[in-house]
């Protein structure tokens, strides 16, 4: 009997500085594998020059679809 409830968190969006390039938006989330272990995932959304605001970066993430599709597209 599994007493763990389903999680519905949508992840987080932060910026990372680059040494020789403009800062980038990074989207992070966690997934549960079939064996129950948690795996951290991340994807670079784009540079701050391309998406100057957090809202514009979130729109880009939303246009890509659910997080599970992100993992399939990027792997």
N, C-alpha and C. Protein backbone atom coordinates (compact mmCIF):
# COMPACT_ATOMS: atom_id res chain seq x y z
N UNK A 1 0.84 -1.17 0.00
CA UNK A 1 0.00 0.00 0.00
C UNK A 1 0.88 1.24 0.00
N UNK A 2 0.70 2.09 -0.99
CA UNK A 2 1.51 3.30 -1.14
C UNK A 2 0.75 4.48 -0.55
N UNK A 3 1.33 5.13 0.45
CA UNK A 3 0.68 6.25 1.11
C UNK A 3 1.22 7.60 0.63
N UNK A 4 2.07 7.58 -0.36
CA UNK A 4 2.63 8.81 -0.89
C UNK A 4 1.62 9.48 -1.81
N UNK A 5 1.38 10.77 -1.60
CA UNK A 5 0.42 11.46 -2.45
C UNK A 5 1.10 11.95 -3.72
N UNK A 6 0.32 12.15 -4.75
CA UNK A 6 0.84 12.62 -6.03
C UNK A 6 1.23 14.08 -5.90
N UNK A 7 2.36 14.44 -6.48
CA UNK A 7 2.83 15.83 -6.43
C UNK A 7 2.48 16.54 -7.73
N UNK A 8 2.09 17.80 -7.59
CA UNK A 8 1.69 18.56 -8.76
C UNK A 8 2.46 19.86 -8.88
N UNK A 9 3.69 19.88 -8.42
CA UNK A 9 4.50 21.09 -8.51
C UNK A 9 5.00 21.25 -9.95
N UNK A 10 5.13 22.49 -10.39
CA UNK A 10 5.46 22.75 -11.78
C UNK A 10 6.93 23.07 -12.03
N UNK A 11 7.79 23.01 -11.03
CA UNK A 11 9.20 23.29 -11.24
C UNK A 11 9.55 24.74 -10.92
N UNK A 12 10.79 25.11 -11.23
CA UNK A 12 11.23 26.47 -10.95
C UNK A 12 12.04 27.02 -12.12
N UNK A 13 12.03 28.33 -12.24
CA UNK A 13 12.75 29.01 -13.31
C UNK A 13 13.72 30.00 -12.68
N UNK A 14 15.01 29.83 -12.95
CA UNK A 14 16.04 30.71 -12.40
C UNK A 14 17.00 31.12 -13.51
N UNK A 15 17.91 32.02 -13.18
CA UNK A 15 18.94 32.42 -14.15
C UNK A 15 20.29 31.87 -13.70
N UNK A 16 21.13 31.59 -14.66
CA UNK A 16 22.51 31.18 -14.41
C UNK A 16 23.42 32.07 -15.21
N UNK A 17 24.47 32.53 -14.56
CA UNK A 17 25.46 33.35 -15.26
C UNK A 17 26.40 32.45 -16.04
N UNK A 18 26.84 32.90 -17.18
CA UNK A 18 27.82 32.21 -18.01
C UNK A 18 29.10 33.02 -18.01
N UNK A 19 30.21 32.33 -18.14
CA UNK A 19 31.50 33.01 -18.08
C UNK A 19 31.73 33.91 -19.29
N UNK A 20 31.49 33.40 -20.48
CA UNK A 20 31.76 34.17 -21.70
C UNK A 20 30.53 34.38 -22.57
N UNK A 21 29.37 34.32 -21.96
CA UNK A 21 28.12 34.48 -22.70
C UNK A 21 27.09 35.14 -21.79
N UNK A 22 26.00 35.61 -22.37
CA UNK A 22 24.97 36.22 -21.52
C UNK A 22 24.30 35.19 -20.61
N UNK A 23 23.71 35.66 -19.52
CA UNK A 23 23.00 34.78 -18.59
C UNK A 23 21.87 34.05 -19.30
N UNK A 24 21.53 32.86 -18.79
CA UNK A 24 20.48 32.06 -19.40
C UNK A 24 19.41 31.72 -18.37
N UNK A 25 18.19 31.46 -18.86
CA UNK A 25 17.10 30.97 -18.02
C UNK A 25 17.19 29.46 -17.96
N UNK A 26 17.09 28.89 -16.76
CA UNK A 26 17.16 27.45 -16.56
C UNK A 26 15.90 26.99 -15.84
N UNK A 27 15.21 26.01 -16.42
CA UNK A 27 14.01 25.44 -15.83
C UNK A 27 14.39 24.13 -15.17
N UNK A 28 14.04 23.97 -13.88
CA UNK A 28 14.37 22.76 -13.12
C UNK A 28 13.10 22.11 -12.60
N UNK A 29 13.11 20.77 -12.59
CA UNK A 29 12.02 20.01 -12.01
C UNK A 29 12.54 18.66 -11.57
N UNK A 30 11.72 17.94 -10.80
CA UNK A 30 12.07 16.59 -10.36
C UNK A 30 11.03 15.61 -10.85
N UNK A 31 11.49 14.41 -11.16
CA UNK A 31 10.60 13.34 -11.61
C UNK A 31 10.82 12.12 -10.74
N UNK A 32 9.80 11.28 -10.65
CA UNK A 32 9.91 10.02 -9.93
C UNK A 32 10.02 8.90 -10.96
N UNK A 33 11.07 8.10 -10.84
CA UNK A 33 11.27 6.95 -11.73
C UNK A 33 10.32 5.83 -11.35
N UNK A 34 10.28 4.81 -12.17
CA UNK A 34 9.41 3.67 -11.91
C UNK A 34 9.80 2.92 -10.64
N UNK A 35 11.08 2.98 -10.26
CA UNK A 35 11.51 2.31 -9.03
C UNK A 35 11.34 3.19 -7.79
N UNK A 36 10.80 4.40 -7.94
CA UNK A 36 10.51 5.27 -6.81
C UNK A 36 11.57 6.29 -6.47
N UNK A 37 12.70 6.26 -7.16
CA UNK A 37 13.76 7.23 -6.87
C UNK A 37 13.45 8.56 -7.55
N UNK A 38 13.89 9.64 -6.93
CA UNK A 38 13.66 10.97 -7.48
C UNK A 38 14.88 11.39 -8.31
N UNK A 39 14.62 11.99 -9.48
CA UNK A 39 15.69 12.43 -10.38
C UNK A 39 15.50 13.92 -10.65
N UNK A 40 16.59 14.68 -10.50
CA UNK A 40 16.54 16.10 -10.80
C UNK A 40 16.80 16.31 -12.28
N UNK A 41 15.99 17.15 -12.90
CA UNK A 41 16.14 17.46 -14.33
C UNK A 41 16.27 18.96 -14.50
N UNK A 42 16.92 19.37 -15.58
CA UNK A 42 16.97 20.79 -15.91
C UNK A 42 17.14 20.95 -17.40
N UNK A 43 16.69 22.11 -17.89
CA UNK A 43 16.83 22.42 -19.30
C UNK A 43 17.05 23.92 -19.42
N UNK A 44 17.95 24.31 -20.33
CA UNK A 44 18.18 25.73 -20.60
C UNK A 44 17.09 26.20 -21.55
N UNK A 45 16.33 27.21 -21.13
CA UNK A 45 15.22 27.73 -21.93
C UNK A 45 15.74 28.67 -23.01
N UNK A 46 16.65 29.54 -22.66
CA UNK A 46 17.21 30.51 -23.60
C UNK A 46 17.95 31.60 -22.85
N UNK A 47 18.56 32.50 -23.58
CA UNK A 47 19.34 33.56 -22.95
C UNK A 47 18.42 34.68 -22.45
N UNK A 48 18.96 35.51 -21.58
CA UNK A 48 18.18 36.65 -21.09
C UNK A 48 18.02 37.70 -22.18
N UNK A 49 18.85 37.63 -23.20
CA UNK A 49 18.67 38.55 -24.33
C UNK A 49 17.45 38.14 -25.16
N UNK A 50 17.25 36.84 -25.32
CA UNK A 50 16.11 36.33 -26.07
C UNK A 50 14.82 36.48 -25.28
N UNK A 51 14.87 36.17 -23.98
CA UNK A 51 13.71 36.26 -23.09
C UNK A 51 14.07 37.21 -21.94
N UNK A 52 13.82 38.50 -22.10
CA UNK A 52 14.27 39.47 -21.09
C UNK A 52 13.54 39.38 -19.75
N UNK A 53 12.32 38.86 -19.73
CA UNK A 53 11.57 38.78 -18.48
C UNK A 53 11.28 37.33 -18.13
N UNK A 54 11.00 37.11 -16.85
CA UNK A 54 10.66 35.76 -16.39
C UNK A 54 9.36 35.30 -17.03
N UNK A 55 8.43 36.22 -17.21
CA UNK A 55 7.15 35.88 -17.83
C UNK A 55 7.33 35.38 -19.26
N UNK A 56 8.21 36.01 -20.02
CA UNK A 56 8.44 35.57 -21.40
C UNK A 56 9.11 34.19 -21.44
N UNK A 57 9.99 33.91 -20.48
CA UNK A 57 10.62 32.58 -20.41
C UNK A 57 9.59 31.52 -20.01
N UNK A 58 8.67 31.87 -19.10
CA UNK A 58 7.62 30.93 -18.71
C UNK A 58 6.68 30.63 -19.87
N UNK A 59 6.40 31.62 -20.70
CA UNK A 59 5.56 31.39 -21.88
C UNK A 59 6.22 30.40 -22.83
N UNK A 60 7.53 30.50 -22.97
CA UNK A 60 8.27 29.57 -23.83
C UNK A 60 8.16 28.15 -23.28
N UNK A 61 8.29 27.99 -21.97
CA UNK A 61 8.17 26.67 -21.35
C UNK A 61 6.76 26.12 -21.56
N UNK A 62 5.76 26.97 -21.37
CA UNK A 62 4.37 26.53 -21.54
C UNK A 62 4.08 26.11 -22.98
N UNK A 63 4.72 26.76 -23.94
CA UNK A 63 4.49 26.41 -25.34
C UNK A 63 5.08 25.06 -25.71
N UNK A 64 6.06 24.58 -24.93
CA UNK A 64 6.68 23.28 -25.21
C UNK A 64 5.83 22.13 -24.72
N UNK A 65 4.89 22.37 -23.83
CA UNK A 65 4.01 21.31 -23.33
C UNK A 65 4.41 20.84 -21.96
N UNK A 66 3.84 19.71 -21.53
CA UNK A 66 4.13 19.17 -20.20
C UNK A 66 5.60 18.84 -20.01
N UNK A 67 6.01 18.79 -18.77
CA UNK A 67 7.42 18.53 -18.42
C UNK A 67 7.87 17.19 -18.96
N UNK A 68 7.02 16.19 -18.98
CA UNK A 68 7.42 14.88 -19.49
C UNK A 68 7.79 14.95 -20.96
N UNK A 69 7.11 15.81 -21.72
CA UNK A 69 7.46 15.98 -23.13
C UNK A 69 8.80 16.70 -23.26
N UNK A 70 9.10 17.62 -22.32
CA UNK A 70 10.40 18.31 -22.34
C UNK A 70 11.53 17.29 -22.24
N UNK A 71 11.40 16.34 -21.33
CA UNK A 71 12.46 15.35 -21.15
C UNK A 71 12.65 14.52 -22.40
N UNK A 72 11.58 14.19 -23.08
CA UNK A 72 11.67 13.37 -24.30
C UNK A 72 12.33 14.17 -25.43
N UNK A 73 11.97 15.43 -25.57
CA UNK A 73 12.51 16.27 -26.64
C UNK A 73 13.99 16.52 -26.45
N UNK A 74 14.42 16.72 -25.20
CA UNK A 74 15.78 17.13 -24.93
C UNK A 74 16.76 15.97 -24.77
N UNK A 75 16.29 14.78 -24.49
CA UNK A 75 17.21 13.64 -24.29
C UNK A 75 17.65 13.04 -25.61
